């Protein structure tokens, strides 16, 4: 039986799904998305500088395949048990066969960036699974997921990272995947926003209707602030720290609407601050790979507003692991 934990102070969480090309190869190519991926190599140091400047504690969830410096090293660490998706285009291991060694460093390896993150204070390294695992796609199994998660934890441990939080790729999960995560030593996950548009679903169920209204919800409040003054803890002790808002990247074609996005974020943050609630902002570093000046300026505006809320309402910036530790210390 699950129970609820009530926050005593307002909390601001940022979590980042760190993927590079591993997160988009089933939808994009280097030819049409390579600029975004290359941009990550300059964006992440700038993000870390901003987080240090504003004392922001962040959870980074890298795909396990990012940990390797070269393609041979990755191939030597491929698990024997792999997800058997009905649609093979989702398979990282099928995709690996087509990766050129010359492309690997630029578009697939995050080794150097992970070192930078690790050397920056208050940054948590979580997991985004080993192979960007899709829990709700047809063909794969619970035990295949367990093998994948074990490999992600093993690879991360070699870099002295103790994994305590998970962010599920494409926000796909169900109760059985959560149970497995807890059995493998995970204490917290980022749940989805509690509304119809964001409920966990496979790719074929994300239709034009869902995509359109998700886009509109970025600028006009259709689904509420999605803040939480209580979080649920299941019977096994796994803590759900739900998302509040996806920080959609700056788009020149929608430039006139960008101020509405920022206003929507700030209103949700203010509501969280006034009600001792949690506001959980998330995005992918590759979202900032293009139009990085505009994206970083918008983020700076949000962080400036956080500092105001910190000074006025004592809002705290915490990563997922820190929130989990605080909750467990008071249970």
Protein backbone atom coordinates (compact mmCIF):
# COMPACT_ATOMS: atom_id res chain seq x y z
CA UNK A 1 0.00 0.00 0.00
CA UNK A 2 1.43 3.40 -0.98
CA UNK A 3 1.47 6.46 1.24
CA UNK A 4 2.12 10.17 0.83
CA UNK A 5 4.91 12.47 1.94
CA UNK A 6 4.06 16.15 2.39
CA UNK A 7 6.72 18.77 1.63
CA UNK A 8 7.62 21.20 4.40
CA UNK A 9 9.30 23.68 2.04
CA UNK A 10 8.86 24.40 -1.67
CA UNK A 11 11.21 22.43 -3.91
CA UNK A 12 12.59 23.18 -7.39
CA UNK A 13 13.88 20.15 -9.31
CA UNK A 14 15.58 20.10 -12.70
CA UNK A 15 16.19 16.76 -14.41
CA UNK A 16 17.85 16.27 -17.78
CA UNK A 17 17.52 13.29 -20.12
CA UNK A 18 21.09 13.06 -21.48
CA UNK A 19 21.03 11.03 -24.68
CA UNK A 20 22.90 12.48 -27.67
CA UNK A 21 22.04 10.44 -30.79
CA UNK A 22 20.98 7.40 -28.71
CA UNK A 23 17.70 9.10 -27.88
CA UNK A 24 16.67 10.07 -31.40
CA UNK A 25 18.14 7.58 -33.89
CA UNK A 26 14.72 5.96 -34.45
CA UNK A 27 13.28 9.30 -35.56
CA UNK A 28 16.20 11.41 -36.78
CA UNK A 29 19.44 11.09 -38.68
CA UNK A 30 22.80 12.80 -38.35
CA UNK A 31 22.01 14.65 -41.57
CA UNK A 32 18.84 16.26 -40.23
CA UNK A 33 19.62 16.45 -36.49
CA UNK A 34 23.39 16.40 -36.23
CA UNK A 35 23.60 20.14 -35.52
CA UNK A 36 21.53 19.72 -32.37
CA UNK A 37 23.70 16.82 -31.20
CA UNK A 38 26.98 18.61 -31.91
CA UNK A 39 25.66 21.63 -30.04
CA UNK A 40 25.40 19.57 -26.86
CA UNK A 41 29.20 19.54 -26.51
CA UNK A 42 29.24 23.33 -26.08
CA UNK A 43 25.87 23.65 -24.33
CA UNK A 44 26.55 21.35 -21.38
CA UNK A 45 29.57 23.34 -20.08
CA UNK A 46 27.43 26.48 -20.31
CA UNK A 47 24.59 24.77 -18.46
CA UNK A 48 27.00 23.70 -15.74
CA UNK A 49 28.28 27.26 -15.43
CA UNK A 50 24.73 28.54 -15.02
CA UNK A 51 23.88 25.86 -12.48
CA UNK A 52 26.99 26.77 -10.48
CA UNK A 53 26.26 30.49 -10.69
CA UNK A 54 22.71 30.08 -9.35
CA UNK A 55 23.48 27.14 -7.01
CA UNK A 56 21.13 24.80 -8.89
CA UNK A 57 21.16 21.11 -7.97
CA UNK A 58 20.37 18.96 -11.02
CA UNK A 59 19.72 15.32 -11.86
CA UNK A 60 21.37 14.15 -15.08
CA UNK A 61 20.09 10.85 -16.48
CA UNK A 62 22.54 9.59 -19.14
CA UNK A 63 21.97 6.66 -21.45
CA UNK A 64 24.52 3.99 -20.49
CA UNK A 65 25.95 3.86 -24.01
CA UNK A 66 27.29 7.40 -23.52
CA UNK A 67 29.96 6.16 -21.11
CA UNK A 68 32.24 4.77 -23.82
CA UNK A 69 35.12 6.57 -25.51
CA UNK A 70 35.09 4.48 -28.70
CA UNK A 71 32.85 2.11 -30.60
CA UNK A 72 34.86 -1.04 -29.89
CA UNK A 73 34.63 -0.43 -26.15
CA UNK A 74 30.85 -0.18 -26.44
CA UNK A 75 30.59 -3.32 -28.58
CA UNK A 76 32.58 -5.24 -25.96
CA UNK A 77 29.99 -4.28 -23.34
CA UNK A 78 26.79 -5.16 -25.19
CA UNK A 79 24.68 -7.46 -22.99
CA UNK A 80 23.86 -10.91 -24.33
CA UNK A 81 20.18 -10.43 -23.49
CA UNK A 82 18.69 -7.59 -25.54
CA UNK A 83 15.19 -6.17 -26.01
CA UNK A 84 13.38 -7.98 -28.80
CA UNK A 85 11.19 -5.20 -30.10
CA UNK A 86 8.59 -6.14 -32.68
CA UNK A 87 9.68 -3.01 -34.57
CA UNK A 88 13.44 -3.37 -35.01
CA UNK A 89 13.99 0.35 -35.66
CA UNK A 90 13.74 0.88 -31.88
CA UNK A 91 16.72 -1.40 -31.24
CA UNK A 92 19.94 0.32 -30.23
CA UNK A 93 21.84 -2.87 -31.00
CA UNK A 94 20.56 -2.99 -34.57
CA UNK A 95 21.48 0.66 -34.96
CA UNK A 96 25.03 0.14 -33.66
CA UNK A 97 25.83 -1.88 -36.77
CA UNK A 98 25.45 1.26 -38.89
CA UNK A 99 27.47 3.68 -36.75
CA UNK A 100 30.73 4.87 -38.27
CA UNK A 101 33.75 5.13 -35.98
CA UNK A 102 34.30 8.70 -37.19
CA UNK A 103 30.77 9.65 -36.06
CA UNK A 104 30.91 7.95 -32.68
CA UNK A 105 32.87 10.60 -30.77
CA UNK A 106 30.84 13.52 -32.10
CA UNK A 107 27.34 12.10 -31.94
CA UNK A 108 27.31 9.12 -29.56
CA UNK A 109 30.02 9.41 -26.90
CA UNK A 110 29.34 11.48 -23.80
CA UNK A 111 32.39 10.33 -21.85
CA UNK A 112 34.10 13.73 -21.63
CA UNK A 113 30.85 15.53 -20.85
CA UNK A 114 30.05 13.08 -18.06
CA UNK A 115 33.44 13.85 -16.53
CA UNK A 116 32.55 17.57 -16.54
CA UNK A 117 29.20 16.88 -14.91
CA UNK A 118 30.82 14.67 -12.28
CA UNK A 119 33.31 17.40 -11.38
CA UNK A 120 30.58 20.02 -10.86
CA UNK A 121 29.10 20.25 -7.34
CA UNK A 122 25.50 19.26 -6.61
CA UNK A 123 24.95 17.34 -9.86
CA UNK A 124 23.43 13.87 -9.51
CA UNK A 125 24.13 11.15 -12.07
CA UNK A 126 21.02 9.00 -12.45
CA UNK A 127 20.18 6.55 -15.25
CA UNK A 128 18.20 6.70 -18.46
CA UNK A 129 18.71 2.91 -18.88
CA UNK A 130 21.63 1.42 -20.79
CA UNK A 131 20.29 1.33 -24.35
CA UNK A 132 17.49 3.93 -24.14
CA UNK A 133 15.09 1.13 -23.34
CA UNK A 134 11.44 1.47 -24.39
CA UNK A 135 9.32 -0.22 -21.73
CA UNK A 136 5.98 0.01 -23.53
CA UNK A 137 6.96 -1.04 -27.04
CA UNK A 138 5.84 -4.47 -28.28
CA UNK A 139 8.14 -7.46 -28.10
CA UNK A 140 10.42 -6.66 -25.18
CA UNK A 141 10.02 -8.23 -21.74
CA UNK A 142 10.41 -7.37 -18.06
CA UNK A 143 13.48 -9.57 -17.69
CA UNK A 144 15.13 -7.94 -20.71
CA UNK A 145 14.59 -4.62 -18.97
CA UNK A 146 16.18 -5.98 -15.79
CA UNK A 147 19.30 -7.03 -17.71
CA UNK A 148 19.50 -3.60 -19.33
CA UNK A 149 19.16 -1.78 -16.00
CA UNK A 150 21.79 -3.99 -14.37
CA UNK A 151 24.20 -3.11 -17.18
CA UNK A 152 23.46 0.62 -16.80
CA UNK A 153 24.17 0.44 -13.07
CA UNK A 154 27.35 -1.60 -13.64
CA UNK A 155 28.78 0.83 -16.21
CA UNK A 156 27.97 3.83 -14.07
CA UNK A 157 29.60 2.24 -11.03
CA UNK A 158 32.89 1.97 -12.96
CA UNK A 159 32.86 5.79 -13.03
CA UNK A 160 32.15 5.89 -9.29
CA UNK A 161 28.50 6.84 -9.73
CA UNK A 162 25.96 5.23 -7.41
CA UNK A 163 22.62 5.14 -9.23
CA UNK A 164 19.62 5.99 -7.06
CA UNK A 165 17.22 7.63 -9.55
CA UNK A 166 15.82 6.64 -12.92
CA UNK A 167 14.17 8.54 -15.75
CA UNK A 168 12.43 6.24 -18.20
CA UNK A 169 13.07 6.86 -21.92
CA UNK A 170 10.06 8.45 -23.66
CA UNK A 171 8.48 8.39 -20.17
CA UNK A 172 7.38 4.78 -20.70
CA UNK A 173 6.84 2.60 -17.62
CA UNK A 174 4.28 0.58 -15.68
CA UNK A 175 4.07 -0.91 -12.20
CA UNK A 176 6.20 -3.95 -13.08
CA UNK A 177 9.09 -1.85 -14.42
CA UNK A 178 8.92 0.27 -11.27
CA UNK A 179 9.10 -2.87 -9.13
CA UNK A 180 12.16 -4.09 -11.03
CA UNK A 181 13.84 -0.69 -10.67
CA UNK A 182 13.35 -0.81 -6.91
CA UNK A 183 14.67 -4.38 -6.72
CA UNK A 184 17.82 -3.22 -8.53
CA UNK A 185 18.52 -0.46 -5.99
CA UNK A 186 16.62 2.51 -7.42
CA UNK A 187 14.86 4.75 -4.90
CA UNK A 188 13.15 7.40 -7.07
CA UNK A 189 11.79 7.94 -10.55
CA UNK A 190 10.40 10.87 -12.49
CA UNK A 191 6.76 10.11 -13.02
CA UNK A 192 4.69 11.68 -15.75
CA UNK A 193 2.45 14.68 -15.36
CA UNK A 194 -0.92 13.58 -14.05
CA UNK A 195 -3.07 14.31 -17.09
CA UNK A 196 -4.32 12.59 -20.25
CA UNK A 197 -1.77 14.23 -22.54
CA UNK A 198 1.25 12.94 -20.61
CA UNK A 199 0.20 9.48 -19.45
CA UNK A 200 2.71 6.69 -20.28
CA UNK A 201 2.11 5.33 -23.78
CA UNK A 202 3.96 3.63 -26.63
CA UNK A 203 5.05 5.59 -29.69
CA UNK A 204 2.16 4.43 -31.91
CA UNK A 205 -0.30 5.88 -29.39
CA UNK A 206 1.20 9.39 -29.52
CA UNK A 207 -1.01 10.67 -32.32
CA UNK A 208 -1.38 14.12 -33.87
CA UNK A 209 -4.08 15.04 -31.35
CA UNK A 210 -1.75 14.36 -28.41
CA UNK A 211 1.20 16.13 -30.06
CA UNK A 212 -0.86 19.20 -30.94
CA UNK A 213 -2.34 19.69 -27.49
CA UNK A 214 1.03 19.03 -25.82
CA UNK A 215 2.38 21.90 -27.93
CA UNK A 216 -0.53 24.19 -27.03
CA UNK A 217 -0.15 23.31 -23.35
CA UNK A 218 3.39 24.72 -23.46
CA UNK A 219 2.02 28.21 -23.99
CA UNK A 220 -1.56 28.06 -22.68
CA UNK A 221 -2.44 26.37 -19.42
CA UNK A 222 -4.57 23.40 -20.47
CA UNK A 223 -3.52 20.86 -17.84
CA UNK A 224 -2.85 22.94 -14.72
CA UNK A 225 0.42 23.74 -12.98
CA UNK A 226 1.26 20.06 -12.26
CA UNK A 227 2.87 20.95 -8.95
CA UNK A 228 2.79 18.62 -5.96
CA UNK A 229 2.74 19.33 -2.23
CA UNK A 230 2.69 15.59 -1.64
CA UNK A 231 4.46 12.73 -3.40
CA UNK A 232 3.55 9.05 -3.36
CA UNK A 233 5.78 6.31 -2.02
CA UNK A 234 4.78 2.77 -2.97
CA UNK A 235 4.83 -0.23 -0.65
CA UNK A 236 8.39 -1.04 -1.74
CA UNK A 237 9.61 2.46 -0.93
CA UNK A 238 9.96 3.74 -4.50
CA UNK A 239 9.34 7.48 -4.61
CA UNK A 240 7.56 9.18 -7.50
CA UNK A 241 8.86 12.71 -8.19
CA UNK A 242 6.53 13.67 -11.05
CA UNK A 243 7.35 16.02 -13.88
CA UNK A 244 5.68 19.42 -13.90
CA UNK A 245 6.73 20.93 -17.22
CA UNK A 246 8.81 20.10 -20.29
CA UNK A 247 11.04 23.08 -21.14
CA UNK A 248 10.27 23.10 -24.86
CA UNK A 249 13.19 24.66 -26.77
CA UNK A 250 13.04 28.07 -28.41
CA UNK A 251 11.51 27.95 -31.88
CA UNK A 252 11.90 30.86 -34.26
CA UNK A 253 8.59 30.05 -35.95
CA UNK A 254 6.83 30.41 -32.57
CA UNK A 255 8.92 33.33 -31.33
CA UNK A 256 5.88 35.49 -30.64
CA UNK A 257 4.60 32.87 -28.16
CA UNK A 258 7.84 32.35 -26.20
CA UNK A 259 6.91 34.90 -23.53
CA UNK A 260 3.76 32.87 -22.79
CA UNK A 261 5.88 29.77 -22.16
CA UNK A 262 8.07 31.62 -19.65
CA UNK A 263 5.03 33.16 -17.99
CA UNK A 264 3.48 29.70 -17.67
CA UNK A 265 6.63 28.32 -16.02
CA UNK A 266 6.92 31.25 -13.62
CA UNK A 267 3.28 31.07 -12.57
CA UNK A 268 3.68 27.37 -11.77
CA UNK A 269 6.88 28.05 -9.82
CA UNK A 270 5.20 30.82 -7.86
CA UNK A 271 2.23 28.60 -7.03
CA UNK A 272 4.63 25.89 -5.85
CA UNK A 273 6.53 28.39 -3.71
CA UNK A 274 3.37 29.67 -2.05
CA UNK A 275 2.00 26.20 -1.26
CA UNK A 276 5.17 24.33 -0.17
CA UNK A 277 5.00 22.24 -3.31
CA UNK A 278 7.44 20.71 -5.78
CA UNK A 279 7.97 22.05 -9.31
CA UNK A 280 9.89 19.65 -11.58
CA UNK A 281 11.28 21.05 -14.83
CA UNK A 282 12.88 18.80 -17.45
CA UNK A 283 14.32 18.70 -20.96
CA UNK A 284 17.11 17.12 -23.03
CA UNK A 285 20.47 18.86 -23.54
CA UNK A 286 20.06 18.31 -27.29
CA UNK A 287 16.92 20.49 -27.16
CA UNK A 288 19.32 23.39 -26.54
CA UNK A 289 21.78 22.26 -29.22
CA UNK A 290 20.38 24.77 -31.72
CA UNK A 291 19.36 28.34 -30.88
CA UNK A 292 21.51 27.89 -27.80
CA UNK A 293 21.80 31.63 -27.11
CA UNK A 294 18.03 32.02 -26.89
CA UNK A 295 17.56 28.78 -24.94
CA UNK A 296 20.23 29.62 -22.39
CA UNK A 297 18.86 33.15 -21.99
CA UNK A 298 15.40 31.73 -21.27
CA UNK A 299 16.86 29.29 -18.75
CA UNK A 300 18.74 32.15 -17.08
CA UNK A 301 15.46 34.04 -16.74
CA UNK A 302 13.89 31.00 -15.05
CA UNK A 303 16.87 30.64 -12.70
CA UNK A 304 16.71 34.34 -11.83
CA UNK A 305 13.09 33.82 -10.90
CA UNK A 306 14.05 30.81 -8.80
CA UNK A 307 16.48 33.02 -6.85
CA UNK A 308 13.62 35.45 -6.17
CA UNK A 309 11.46 32.58 -4.89
CA UNK A 310 14.36 31.24 -2.86
CA UNK A 311 14.81 34.62 -1.16
CA UNK A 312 11.09 35.28 -0.71
CA UNK A 313 9.56 31.86 -0.02
CA UNK A 314 12.67 29.79 0.85
CA UNK A 315 12.25 27.56 -2.19
CA UNK A 316 15.06 24.98 -2.36
CA UNK A 317 16.88 23.66 -5.41
CA UNK A 318 17.38 19.92 -4.91
CA UNK A 319 18.22 17.06 -7.24
CA UNK A 320 16.15 13.88 -7.18
CA UNK A 321 18.59 12.02 -4.94
CA UNK A 322 18.60 14.84 -2.40
CA UNK A 323 14.80 14.94 -2.30
CA UNK A 324 14.76 11.18 -1.84
CA UNK A 325 17.28 11.38 1.02
CA UNK A 326 15.27 14.10 2.71
CA UNK A 327 12.04 12.11 2.44
CA UNK A 328 13.65 8.90 3.72
CA UNK A 329 15.23 10.73 6.67
CA UNK A 330 11.81 11.86 7.84
CA UNK A 331 9.89 8.62 7.37
